[in-house]
Amino acid sequence: MADKLLLEDVRFYGQHGLTRAEQVVGAWFSVDVEMAVDLAPAVASDQVSTTVDYGVVARRIVEIGTKNRVNLIERLAGLIVEALLREFPAREIRVRVRKLTPPMEGLVGTPSVELTRVRS
């Protein structure tokens, strides 16, 4: 099965990071998710009940990203991928977390991490 549900650029504002500025000022984060799921039932039925509702996935990502503060985007990505694997019927999930506006002087570029987890 090569079916995938993709959700790109889910954004939220959070106070994740090691520095005082990151914890107080905060930053915008962007999350991409790729879920390996069987989409054949949805193709045949045209019913949201036969697939993964990407609106529910997006709300869950925002909830996780805004609920608790963490130091590392690696930890944030881990919390997201673990919750999605636990709560949705995907056999594999890839999560990419980007910190879009880190309040760090001299930083050029966008820091990001990507985790892939497979249902065991």
Foldseek 3Di string as FASTA:
>chain_A
DADKDKDWFLKDWEQEADDPCSNPVTFMKGKIKIFADDCVVCVVPVDCVVDPDVVVLSVVLRCLRHPDYYHDVVVSQVVSLVVCVVPDPGQKMKMKMWGDDDPDPPDDDIDMDMDMDGDD
